Amino acid sequence: VGKIKPDGSKIEKVADYVMYILEEAH
C-alpha cells in the first residue's frame, strides 16, 4: 500500500494491489 504502479497511479489499499495483480500478472 502506497507504492506506485508503472502507469504512475498509486496503490491506495490492498484491493488495488489485488486488482493490479489481476490486470498485470493475470
mmCIF file of all heavy atoms, coordinates in Angstrom:
data_MODEL
# 
_entry.id   MODEL 
# 
loop_
_atom_site.group_PDB 
_atom_site.id 
_atom_site.type_symbol 
_atom_site.label_atom_id 
_atom_site.label_alt_id 
_atom_site.label_comp_id 
_atom_site.label_asym_id 
_atom_site.label_entity_id 
_atom_site.label_seq_id 
_atom_site.pdbx_PDB_ins_code 
_atom_site.Cartn_x 
_atom_site.Cartn_y 
_atom_site.Cartn_z 
_atom_site.occupancy 
_atom_site.B_iso_or_equiv 
_atom_site.pdbx_formal_charge 
_atom_site.auth_seq_id 
_atom_site.auth_comp_id 
_atom_site.auth_asym_id 
_atom_site.auth_atom_id 
_atom_site.pdbx_PDB_model_num 
ATOM 1   N N   . VAL A 1 1  ? 0.850   -1.185  0.000   1.00 0.00 ? 1  VAL A N   1 
ATOM 2   C CA  . VAL A 1 1  ? 0.000   0.000   0.000   1.00 0.00 ? 1  VAL A CA  1 
ATOM 3   C C   . VAL A 1 1  ? 0.889   1.240   0.000   1.00 0.00 ? 1  VAL A C   1 
ATOM 4   O O   . VAL A 1 1  ? 1.828   1.348   0.793   1.00 0.00 ? 1  VAL A O   1 
ATOM 5   C CB  . VAL A 1 1  ? -0.947  0.005   1.213   1.00 0.00 ? 1  VAL A CB  1 
ATOM 6   C CG1 . VAL A 1 1  ? -1.736  1.313   1.274   1.00 0.00 ? 1  VAL A CG1 1 
ATOM 7   C CG2 . VAL A 1 1  ? -1.892  -1.181  1.154   1.00 0.00 ? 1  VAL A CG2 1 
ATOM 8   N N   . GLY A 1 2  ? 0.618   2.155   -0.905  1.00 0.00 ? 2  GLY A N   1 
ATOM 9   C CA  . GLY A 1 2  ? 1.427   3.360   -1.028  1.00 0.00 ? 2  GLY A CA  1 
ATOM 10  C C   . GLY A 1 2  ? 2.419   3.312   -2.181  1.00 0.00 ? 2  GLY A C   1 
ATOM 11  O O   . GLY A 1 2  ? 2.975   4.335   -2.570  1.00 0.00 ? 2  GLY A O   1 
ATOM 12  N N   . LYS A 1 3  ? 2.636   2.138   -2.734  1.00 0.00 ? 3  LYS A N   1 
ATOM 13  C CA  . LYS A 1 3  ? 3.572   2.019   -3.849  1.00 0.00 ? 3  LYS A CA  1 
ATOM 14  C C   . LYS A 1 3  ? 2.940   2.537   -5.142  1.00 0.00 ? 3  LYS A C   1 
ATOM 15  O O   . LYS A 1 3  ? 1.716   2.617   -5.263  1.00 0.00 ? 3  LYS A O   1 
ATOM 16  C CB  . LYS A 1 3  ? 4.035   0.568   -4.005  1.00 0.00 ? 3  LYS A CB  1 
ATOM 17  C CG  . LYS A 1 3  ? 4.961   0.097   -2.869  1.00 0.00 ? 3  LYS A CG  1 
ATOM 18  C CD  . LYS A 1 3  ? 5.510   -1.280  -3.126  1.00 0.00 ? 3  LYS A CD  1 
ATOM 19  C CE  . LYS A 1 3  ? 6.465   -1.729  -2.030  1.00 0.00 ? 3  LYS A CE  1 
ATOM 20  N NZ  . LYS A 1 3  ? 7.739   -0.970  -2.063  1.00 0.00 ? 3  LYS A NZ  1 
ATOM 21  N N   . ILE A 1 4  ? 3.819   2.854   -6.109  1.00 0.00 ? 4  ILE A N   1 
ATOM 22  C CA  . ILE A 1 4  ? 3.376   3.448   -7.371  1.00 0.00 ? 4  ILE A CA  1 
ATOM 23  C C   . ILE A 1 4  ? 3.443   2.412   -8.482  1.00 0.00 ? 4  ILE A C   1 
ATOM 24  O O   . ILE A 1 4  ? 4.456   1.728   -8.655  1.00 0.00 ? 4  ILE A O   1 
ATOM 25  C CB  . ILE A 1 4  ? 4.238   4.671   -7.742  1.00 0.00 ? 4  ILE A CB  1 
ATOM 26  C CG1 . ILE A 1 4  ? 4.242   5.692   -6.592  1.00 0.00 ? 4  ILE A CG1 1 
ATOM 27  C CG2 . ILE A 1 4  ? 3.733   5.317   -9.032  1.00 0.00 ? 4  ILE A CG2 1 
ATOM 28  C CD1 . ILE A 1 4  ? 2.871   6.226   -6.218  1.00 0.00 ? 4  ILE A CD1 1 
ATOM 29  N N   . LYS A 1 5  ? 2.358   2.313   -9.242  1.00 0.00 ? 5  LYS A N   1 
ATOM 30  C CA  . LYS A 1 5  ? 2.291   1.372   -10.361 1.00 0.00 ? 5  LYS A CA  1 
ATOM 31  C C   . LYS A 1 5  ? 3.047   1.951   -11.574 1.00 0.00 ? 5  LYS A C   1 
ATOM 32  O O   . LYS A 1 5  ? 3.312   3.161   -11.623 1.00 0.00 ? 5  LYS A O   1 
ATOM 33  C CB  . LYS A 1 5  ? 0.826   1.102   -10.734 1.00 0.00 ? 5  LYS A CB  1 
ATOM 34  C CG  . LYS A 1 5  ? 0.048   0.360   -9.642  1.00 0.00 ? 5  LYS A CG  1 
ATOM 35  C CD  . LYS A 1 5  ? -1.320  -0.084  -10.121 1.00 0.00 ? 5  LYS A CD  1 
ATOM 36  C CE  . LYS A 1 5  ? -2.298  1.073   -10.171 1.00 0.00 ? 5  LYS A CE  1 
ATOM 37  N NZ  . LYS A 1 5  ? -3.677  0.620   -10.485 1.00 0.00 ? 5  LYS A NZ  1 
ATOM 38  N N   . PRO A 1 6  ? 3.385   1.098   -12.536 1.00 0.00 ? 6  PRO A N   1 
ATOM 39  C CA  . PRO A 1 6  ? 4.101   1.584   -13.729 1.00 0.00 ? 6  PRO A CA  1 
ATOM 40  C C   . PRO A 1 6  ? 3.394   2.720   -14.463 1.00 0.00 ? 6  PRO A C   1 
ATOM 41  O O   . PRO A 1 6  ? 4.054   3.548   -15.101 1.00 0.00 ? 6  PRO A O   1 
ATOM 42  C CB  . PRO A 1 6  ? 4.186   0.329   -14.609 1.00 0.00 ? 6  PRO A CB  1 
ATOM 43  C CG  . PRO A 1 6  ? 4.189   -0.811  -13.637 1.00 0.00 ? 6  PRO A CG  1 
ATOM 44  C CD  . PRO A 1 6  ? 3.262   -0.382  -12.533 1.00 0.00 ? 6  PRO A CD  1 
ATOM 45  N N   . ASP A 1 7  ? 2.052   2.778   -14.380 1.00 0.00 ? 7  ASP A N   1 
ATOM 46  C CA  . ASP A 1 7  ? 1.325   3.862   -15.063 1.00 0.00 ? 7  ASP A CA  1 
ATOM 47  C C   . ASP A 1 7  ? 1.286   5.149   -14.251 1.00 0.00 ? 7  ASP A C   1 
ATOM 48  O O   . ASP A 1 7  ? 0.668   6.132   -14.664 1.00 0.00 ? 7  ASP A O   1 
ATOM 49  C CB  . ASP A 1 7  ? -0.098  3.410   -15.411 1.00 0.00 ? 7  ASP A CB  1 
ATOM 50  C CG  . ASP A 1 7  ? -0.967  3.152   -14.170 1.00 0.00 ? 7  ASP A CG  1 
ATOM 51  O OD1 . ASP A 1 7  ? -0.488  3.371   -13.027 1.00 0.00 ? 7  ASP A OD1 1 
ATOM 52  O OD2 . ASP A 1 7  ? -2.128  2.731   -14.341 1.00 0.00 ? 7  ASP A OD2 1 
ATOM 53  N N   . GLY A 1 8  ? 1.934   5.146   -13.075 1.00 0.00 ? 8  GLY A N   1 
ATOM 54  C CA  . GLY A 1 8  ? 2.004   6.342   -12.246 1.00 0.00 ? 8  GLY A CA  1 
ATOM 55  C C   . GLY A 1 8  ? 0.935   6.446   -11.179 1.00 0.00 ? 8  GLY A C   1 
ATOM 56  O O   . GLY A 1 8  ? 1.006   7.316   -10.300 1.00 0.00 ? 8  GLY A O   1 
ATOM 57  N N   . SER A 1 9  ? -0.070  5.584   -11.215 1.00 0.00 ? 9  SER A N   1 
ATOM 58  C CA  . SER A 1 9  ? -1.122  5.615   -10.195 1.00 0.00 ? 9  SER A CA  1 
ATOM 59  C C   . SER A 1 9  ? -0.643  4.915   -8.925  1.00 0.00 ? 9  SER A C   1 
ATOM 60  O O   . SER A 1 9  ? 0.312   4.128   -8.935  1.00 0.00 ? 9  SER A O   1 
ATOM 61  C CB  . SER A 1 9  ? -2.400  4.965   -10.711 1.00 0.00 ? 9  SER A CB  1 
ATOM 62  O OG  . SER A 1 9  ? -2.179  3.611   -11.044 1.00 0.00 ? 9  SER A OG  1 
ATOM 63  N N   . LYS A 1 10 ? -1.338  5.187   -7.833  1.00 0.00 ? 10 LYS A N   1 
ATOM 64  C CA  . LYS A 1 10 ? -0.896  4.735   -6.510  1.00 0.00 ? 10 LYS A CA  1 
ATOM 65  C C   . LYS A 1 10 ? -1.753  3.574   -6.011  1.00 0.00 ? 10 LYS A C   1 
ATOM 66  O O   . LYS A 1 10 ? -2.964  3.531   -6.234  1.00 0.00 ? 10 LYS A O   1 
ATOM 67  C CB  . LYS A 1 10 ? -0.974  5.910   -5.529  1.00 0.00 ? 10 LYS A CB  1 
ATOM 68  C CG  . LYS A 1 10 ? -0.376  5.651   -4.160  1.00 0.00 ? 10 LYS A CG  1 
ATOM 69  C CD  . LYS A 1 10 ? -0.448  6.930   -3.327  1.00 0.00 ? 10 LYS A CD  1 
ATOM 70  C CE  . LYS A 1 10 ? 0.159   6.748   -1.951  1.00 0.00 ? 10 LYS A CE  1 
ATOM 71  N NZ  . LYS A 1 10 ? 0.067   8.003   -1.145  1.00 0.00 ? 10 LYS A NZ  1 
ATOM 72  N N   . ILE A 1 11 ? -1.099  2.637   -5.336  1.00 0.00 ? 11 ILE A N   1 
ATOM 73  C CA  . ILE A 1 11 ? -1.817  1.565   -4.633  1.00 0.00 ? 11 ILE A CA  1 
ATOM 74  C C   . ILE A 1 11 ? -2.345  2.161   -3.331  1.00 0.00 ? 11 ILE A C   1 
ATOM 75  O O   . ILE A 1 11 ? -1.586  2.392   -2.395  1.00 0.00 ? 11 ILE A O   1 
ATOM 76  C CB  . ILE A 1 11 ? -0.889  0.366   -4.336  1.00 0.00 ? 11 ILE A CB  1 
ATOM 77  C CG1 . ILE A 1 11 ? -0.299  -0.220  -5.615  1.00 0.00 ? 11 ILE A CG1 1 
ATOM 78  C CG2 . ILE A 1 11 ? -1.631  -0.695  -3.527  1.00 0.00 ? 11 ILE A CG2 1 
ATOM 79  C CD1 . ILE A 1 11 ? -1.250  -1.007  -6.458  1.00 0.00 ? 11 ILE A CD1 1 
ATOM 80  N N   . GLU A 1 12 ? -3.637  2.444   -3.281  1.00 0.00 ? 12 GLU A N   1 
ATOM 81  C CA  . GLU A 1 12 ? -4.227  3.095   -2.119  1.00 0.00 ? 12 GLU A CA  1 
ATOM 82  C C   . GLU A 1 12 ? -4.617  2.106   -1.024  1.00 0.00 ? 12 GLU A C   1 
ATOM 83  O O   . GLU A 1 12 ? -4.675  2.449   0.159   1.00 0.00 ? 12 GLU A O   1 
ATOM 84  C CB  . GLU A 1 12 ? -5.466  3.899   -2.532  1.00 0.00 ? 12 GLU A CB  1 
ATOM 85  C CG  . GLU A 1 12 ? -5.190  4.986   -3.555  1.00 0.00 ? 12 GLU A CG  1 
ATOM 86  C CD  . GLU A 1 12 ? -4.527  6.214   -2.949  1.00 0.00 ? 12 GLU A CD  1 
ATOM 87  O OE1 . GLU A 1 12 ? -4.334  6.244   -1.710  1.00 0.00 ? 12 GLU A OE1 1 
ATOM 88  O OE2 . GLU A 1 12 ? -4.204  7.141   -3.725  1.00 0.00 ? 12 GLU A OE2 1 
ATOM 89  N N   . LYS A 1 13 ? -4.911  0.874   -1.421  1.00 0.00 ? 13 LYS A N   1 
ATOM 90  C CA  . LYS A 1 13 ? -5.333  -0.159  -0.471  1.00 0.00 ? 13 LYS A CA  1 
ATOM 91  C C   . LYS A 1 13 ? -5.030  -1.525  -1.070  1.00 0.00 ? 13 LYS A C   1 
ATOM 92  O O   . LYS A 1 13 ? -4.691  -1.635  -2.256  1.00 0.00 ? 13 LYS A O   1 
ATOM 93  C CB  . LYS A 1 13 ? -6.817  -0.017  -0.152  1.00 0.00 ? 13 LYS A CB  1 
ATOM 94  C CG  . LYS A 1 13 ? -7.719  0.044   -1.378  1.00 0.00 ? 13 LYS A CG  1 
ATOM 95  C CD  . LYS A 1 13 ? -9.151  0.395   -1.005  1.00 0.00 ? 13 LYS A CD  1 
ATOM 96  C CE  . LYS A 1 13 ? -10.004 0.501   -2.273  1.00 0.00 ? 13 LYS A CE  1 
ATOM 97  N NZ  . LYS A 1 13 ? -11.404 0.840   -1.961  1.00 0.00 ? 13 LYS A NZ  1 
ATOM 98  N N   . VAL A 1 14 ? -5.155  -2.562  -0.256  1.00 0.00 ? 14 VAL A N   1 
ATOM 99  C CA  . VAL A 1 14 ? -4.819  -3.899  -0.733  1.00 0.00 ? 14 VAL A CA  1 
ATOM 100 C C   . VAL A 1 14 ? -5.700  -4.298  -1.915  1.00 0.00 ? 14 VAL A C   1 
ATOM 101 O O   . VAL A 1 14 ? -5.251  -5.004  -2.818  1.00 0.00 ? 14 VAL A O   1 
ATOM 102 C CB  . VAL A 1 14 ? -4.912  -4.931  0.408   1.00 0.00 ? 14 VAL A CB  1 
ATOM 103 C CG1 . VAL A 1 14 ? -4.817  -6.361  -0.125  1.00 0.00 ? 14 VAL A CG1 1 
ATOM 104 C CG2 . VAL A 1 14 ? -3.800  -4.698  1.423   1.00 0.00 ? 14 VAL A CG2 1 
ATOM 105 N N   . ALA A 1 15 ? -6.948  -3.832  -1.930  1.00 0.00 ? 15 ALA A N   1 
ATOM 106 C CA  . ALA A 1 15 ? -7.832  -4.141  -3.063  1.00 0.00 ? 15 ALA A CA  1 
ATOM 107 C C   . ALA A 1 15 ? -7.217  -3.671  -4.376  1.00 0.00 ? 15 ALA A C   1 
ATOM 108 O O   . ALA A 1 15 ? -7.362  -4.333  -5.418  1.00 0.00 ? 15 ALA A O   1 
ATOM 109 C CB  . ALA A 1 15 ? -9.193  -3.503  -2.855  1.00 0.00 ? 15 ALA A CB  1 
ATOM 110 N N   . ASP A 1 16 ? -6.510  -2.533  -4.356  1.00 0.00 ? 16 ASP A N   1 
ATOM 111 C CA  . ASP A 1 16 ? -5.839  -2.036  -5.565  1.00 0.00 ? 16 ASP A CA  1 
ATOM 112 C C   . ASP A 1 16 ? -4.696  -2.968  -5.964  1.00 0.00 ? 16 ASP A C   1 
ATOM 113 O O   . ASP A 1 16 ? -4.456  -3.199  -7.151  1.00 0.00 ? 16 ASP A O   1 
ATOM 114 C CB  . ASP A 1 16 ? -5.288  -0.625  -5.333  1.00 0.00 ? 16 ASP A CB  1 
ATOM 115 C CG  . ASP A 1 16 ? -6.378  0.386   -5.034  1.00 0.00 ? 16 ASP A CG  1 
ATOM 116 O OD1 . ASP A 1 16 ? -7.527  0.152   -5.449  1.00 0.00 ? 16 ASP A OD1 1 
ATOM 117 O OD2 . ASP A 1 16 ? -6.076  1.403   -4.391  1.00 0.00 ? 16 ASP A OD2 1 
ATOM 118 N N   . TYR A 1 17 ? -3.969  -3.466  -4.971  1.00 0.00 ? 17 TYR A N   1 
ATOM 119 C CA  . TYR A 1 17 ? -2.870  -4.398  -5.236  1.00 0.00 ? 17 TYR A CA  1 
ATOM 120 C C   . TYR A 1 17 ? -3.401  -5.694  -5.849  1.00 0.00 ? 17 TYR A C   1 
ATOM 121 O O   . TYR A 1 17 ? -2.843  -6.212  -6.821  1.00 0.00 ? 17 TYR A O   1 
ATOM 122 C CB  . TYR A 1 17 ? -2.130  -4.672  -3.927  1.00 0.00 ? 17 TYR A CB  1 
ATOM 123 C CG  . TYR A 1 17 ? -0.971  -5.652  -4.022  1.00 0.00 ? 17 TYR A CG  1 
ATOM 124 C CD1 . TYR A 1 17 ? 0.075   -5.450  -4.921  1.00 0.00 ? 17 TYR A CD1 1 
ATOM 125 C CD2 . TYR A 1 17 ? -0.918  -6.760  -3.185  1.00 0.00 ? 17 TYR A CD2 1 
ATOM 126 C CE1 . TYR A 1 17 ? 1.142   -6.337  -4.988  1.00 0.00 ? 17 TYR A CE1 1 
ATOM 127 C CE2 . TYR A 1 17 ? 0.150   -7.655  -3.246  1.00 0.00 ? 17 TYR A CE2 1 
ATOM 128 C CZ  . TYR A 1 17 ? 1.183   -7.437  -4.154  1.00 0.00 ? 17 TYR A CZ  1 
ATOM 129 O OH  . TYR A 1 17 ? 2.231   -8.324  -4.209  1.00 0.00 ? 17 TYR A OH  1 
ATOM 130 N N   . VAL A 1 18 ? -4.512  -6.186  -5.312  1.00 0.00 ? 18 VAL A N   1 
ATOM 131 C CA  . VAL A 1 18 ? -5.130  -7.403  -5.832  1.00 0.00 ? 18 VAL A CA  1 
ATOM 132 C C   . VAL A 1 18 ? -5.580  -7.197  -7.280  1.00 0.00 ? 18 VAL A C   1 
ATOM 133 O O   . VAL A 1 18 ? -5.375  -8.061  -8.144  1.00 0.00 ? 18 VAL A O   1 
ATOM 134 C CB  . VAL A 1 18 ? -6.316  -7.833  -4.948  1.00 0.00 ? 18 VAL A CB  1 
ATOM 135 C CG1 . VAL A 1 18 ? -7.118  -8.953  -5.607  1.00 0.00 ? 18 VAL A CG1 1 
ATOM 136 C CG2 . VAL A 1 18 ? -5.816  -8.294  -3.575  1.00 0.00 ? 18 VAL A CG2 1 
ATOM 137 N N   . MET A 1 19 ? -6.183  -6.046  -7.558  1.00 0.00 ? 19 MET A N   1 
ATOM 138 C CA  . MET A 1 19 ? -6.635  -5.766  -8.925  1.00 0.00 ? 19 MET A CA  1 
ATOM 139 C C   . MET A 1 19 ? -5.444  -5.571  -9.860  1.00 0.00 ? 19 MET A C   1 
ATOM 140 O O   . MET A 1 19 ? -5.480  -5.997  -11.028 1.00 0.00 ? 19 MET A O   1 
ATOM 141 C CB  . MET A 1 19 ? -7.530  -4.529  -8.935  1.00 0.00 ? 19 MET A CB  1 
ATOM 142 C CG  . MET A 1 19 ? -8.239  -4.290  -10.264 1.00 0.00 ? 19 MET A CG  1 
ATOM 143 S SD  . MET A 1 19 ? -9.219  -5.719  -10.836 1.00 0.00 ? 19 MET A SD  1 
ATOM 144 C CE  . MET A 1 19 ? -10.443 -5.822  -9.520  1.00 0.00 ? 19 MET A CE  1 
ATOM 145 N N   . TYR A 1 20 ? -4.375  -4.969  -9.352  1.00 0.00 ? 20 TYR A N   1 
ATOM 146 C CA  . TYR A 1 20 ? -3.158  -4.805  -10.146 1.00 0.00 ? 20 TYR A CA  1 
ATOM 147 C C   . TYR A 1 20 ? -2.581  -6.168  -10.534 1.00 0.00 ? 20 TYR A C   1 
ATOM 148 O O   . TYR A 1 20 ? -2.176  -6.385  -11.681 1.00 0.00 ? 20 TYR A O   1 
ATOM 149 C CB  . TYR A 1 20 ? -2.137  -3.989  -9.351  1.00 0.00 ? 20 TYR A CB  1 
ATOM 150 C CG  . TYR A 1 20 ? -0.742  -3.983  -9.941  1.00 0.00 ? 20 TYR A CG  1 
ATOM 151 C CD1 . TYR A 1 20 ? -0.437  -3.243  -11.086 1.00 0.00 ? 20 TYR A CD1 1 
ATOM 152 C CD2 . TYR A 1 20 ? 0.282   -4.720  -9.350  1.00 0.00 ? 20 TYR A CD2 1 
ATOM 153 C CE1 . TYR A 1 20 ? 0.847   -3.243  -11.625 1.00 0.00 ? 20 TYR A CE1 1 
ATOM 154 C CE2 . TYR A 1 20 ? 1.561   -4.734  -9.881  1.00 0.00 ? 20 TYR A CE2 1 
ATOM 155 C CZ  . TYR A 1 20 ? 1.840   -3.989  -11.018 1.00 0.00 ? 20 TYR A CZ  1 
ATOM 156 O OH  . TYR A 1 20 ? 3.110   -3.996  -11.548 1.00 0.00 ? 20 TYR A OH  1 
ATOM 157 N N   . ILE A 1 21 ? -2.570  -7.095  -9.577  1.00 0.00 ? 21 ILE A N   1 
ATOM 158 C CA  . ILE A 1 21 ? -2.065  -8.443  -9.860  1.00 0.00 ? 21 ILE A CA  1 
ATOM 159 C C   . ILE A 1 21 ? -2.918  -9.116  -10.938 1.00 0.00 ? 21 ILE A C   1 
ATOM 160 O O   . ILE A 1 21 ? -2.402  -9.793  -11.822 1.00 0.00 ? 21 ILE A O   1 
ATOM 161 C CB  . ILE A 1 21 ? -2.042  -9.284  -8.565  1.00 0.00 ? 21 ILE A CB  1 
ATOM 162 C CG1 . ILE A 1 21 ? -0.914  -8.801  -7.655  1.00 0.00 ? 21 ILE A CG1 1 
ATOM 163 C CG2 . ILE A 1 21 ? -1.878  -10.773 -8.866  1.00 0.00 ? 21 ILE A CG2 1 
ATOM 164 C CD1 . ILE A 1 21 ? -0.919  -9.438  -6.283  1.00 0.00 ? 21 ILE A CD1 1 
ATOM 165 N N   . LEU A 1 22 ? -4.229  -8.903  -10.880 1.00 0.00 ? 22 LEU A N   1 
ATOM 166 C CA  . LEU A 1 22 ? -5.109  -9.478  -11.896 1.00 0.00 ? 22 LEU A CA  1 
ATOM 167 C C   . LEU A 1 22 ? -4.821  -8.881  -13.269 1.00 0.00 ? 22 LEU A C   1 
ATOM 168 O O   . LEU A 1 22 ? -4.693  -9.596  -14.264 1.00 0.00 ? 22 LEU A O   1 
ATOM 169 C CB  . LEU A 1 22 ? -6.573  -9.262  -11.518 1.00 0.00 ? 22 LEU A CB  1 
ATOM 170 C CG  . LEU A 1 22 ? -7.607  -9.774  -12.528 1.00 0.00 ? 22 LEU A CG  1 
ATOM 171 C CD1 . LEU A 1 22 ? -7.502  -11.291 -12.706 1.00 0.00 ? 22 LEU A CD1 1 
ATOM 172 C CD2 . LEU A 1 22 ? -9.029  -9.396  -12.094 1.00 0.00 ? 22 LEU A CD2 1 
ATOM 173 N N   . GLU A 1 23 ? -4.703  -7.558  -13.316 1.00 0.00 ? 23 GLU A N   1 
ATOM 174 C CA  . GLU A 1 23 ? -4.550  -6.881  -14.604 1.00 0.00 ? 23 GLU A CA  1 
ATOM 175 C C   . GLU A 1 23 ? -3.138  -6.996  -15.163 1.00 0.00 ? 23 GLU A C   1 
ATOM 176 O O   . GLU A 1 23 ? -2.950  -7.105  -16.370 1.00 0.00 ? 23 GLU A O   1 
ATOM 177 C CB  . GLU A 1 23 ? -4.938  -5.404  -14.449 1.00 0.00 ? 23 GLU A CB  1 
ATOM 178 C CG  . GLU A 1 23 ? -6.416  -5.210  -14.129 1.00 0.00 ? 23 GLU A CG  1 
ATOM 179 C CD  . GLU A 1 23 ? -6.763  -3.783  -13.766 1.00 0.00 ? 23 GLU A CD  1 
ATOM 180 O OE1 . GLU A 1 23 ? -5.819  -2.983  -13.504 1.00 0.00 ? 23 GLU A OE1 1 
ATOM 181 O OE2 . GLU A 1 23 ? -7.964  -3.453  -13.726 1.00 0.00 ? 23 GLU A OE2 1 
ATOM 182 N N   . GLU A 1 24 ? -2.138  -6.981  -14.289 1.00 0.00 ? 24 GLU A N   1 
ATOM 183 C CA  . GLU A 1 24 ? -0.745  -7.002  -14.735 1.00 0.00 ? 24 GLU A CA  1 
ATOM 184 C C   . GLU A 1 24 ? -0.194  -8.420  -14.851 1.00 0.00 ? 24 GLU A C   1 
ATOM 185 O O   . GLU A 1 24 ? 0.484   -8.764  -15.820 1.00 0.00 ? 24 GLU A O   1 
ATOM 186 C CB  . GLU A 1 24 ? 0.125   -6.191  -13.764 1.00 0.00 ? 24 GLU A CB  1 
ATOM 187 C CG  . GLU A 1 24 ? 1.604   -6.135  -14.114 1.00 0.00 ? 24 GLU A CG  1 
ATOM 188 C CD  . GLU A 1 24 ? 1.895   -5.255  -15.317 1.00 0.00 ? 24 GLU A CD  1 
ATOM 189 O OE1 . GLU A 1 24 ? 1.063   -4.396  -15.656 1.00 0.00 ? 24 GLU A OE1 1 
ATOM 190 O OE2 . GLU A 1 24 ? 2.990   -5.439  -15.914 1.00 0.00 ? 24 GLU A OE2 1 
ATOM 191 N N   . ALA A 1 25 ? -0.503  -9.258  -13.837 1.00 0.00 ? 25 ALA A N   1 
ATOM 192 C CA  . ALA A 1 25 ? 0.045   -10.620 -13.805 1.00 0.00 ? 25 ALA A CA  1 
ATOM 193 C C   . ALA A 1 25 ? -0.950  -11.664 -14.284 1.00 0.00 ? 25 ALA A C   1 
ATOM 194 O O   . ALA A 1 25 ? -0.592  -12.820 -14.487 1.00 0.00 ? 25 ALA A O   1 
ATOM 195 C CB  . ALA A 1 25 ? 0.500   -10.949 -12.382 1.00 0.00 ? 25 ALA A CB  1 
ATOM 196 N N   . HIS A 1 26 ? -2.220  -11.270 -14.402 1.00 0.00 ? 26 HIS A N   1 
ATOM 197 C CA  . HIS A 1 26 ? -3.288  -12.180 -14.826 1.00 0.00 ? 26 HIS A CA  1 
ATOM 198 C C   . HIS A 1 26 ? -3.410  -13.366 -13.858 1.00 0.00 ? 26 HIS A C   1 
ATOM 199 O O   . HIS A 1 26 ? -3.534  -14.516 -14.267 1.00 0.00 ? 26 HIS A O   1 
ATOM 200 C CB  . HIS A 1 26 ? -3.068  -12.656 -16.263 1.00 0.00 ? 26 HIS A CB  1 
ATOM 201 C CG  . HIS A 1 26 ? -3.048  -11.545 -17.258 1.00 0.00 ? 26 HIS A CG  1 
ATOM 202 N ND1 . HIS A 1 26 ? -2.315  -11.586 -18.417 1.00 0.00 ? 26 HIS A ND1 1 
ATOM 203 C CD2 . HIS A 1 26 ? -3.671  -10.333 -17.241 1.00 0.00 ? 26 HIS A CD2 1 
ATOM 204 C CE1 . HIS A 1 26 ? -2.482  -10.452 -19.086 1.00 0.00 ? 26 HIS A CE1 1 
ATOM 205 N NE2 . HIS A 1 26 ? -3.304  -9.688  -18.393 1.00 0.00 ? 26 HIS A NE2 1 
# 
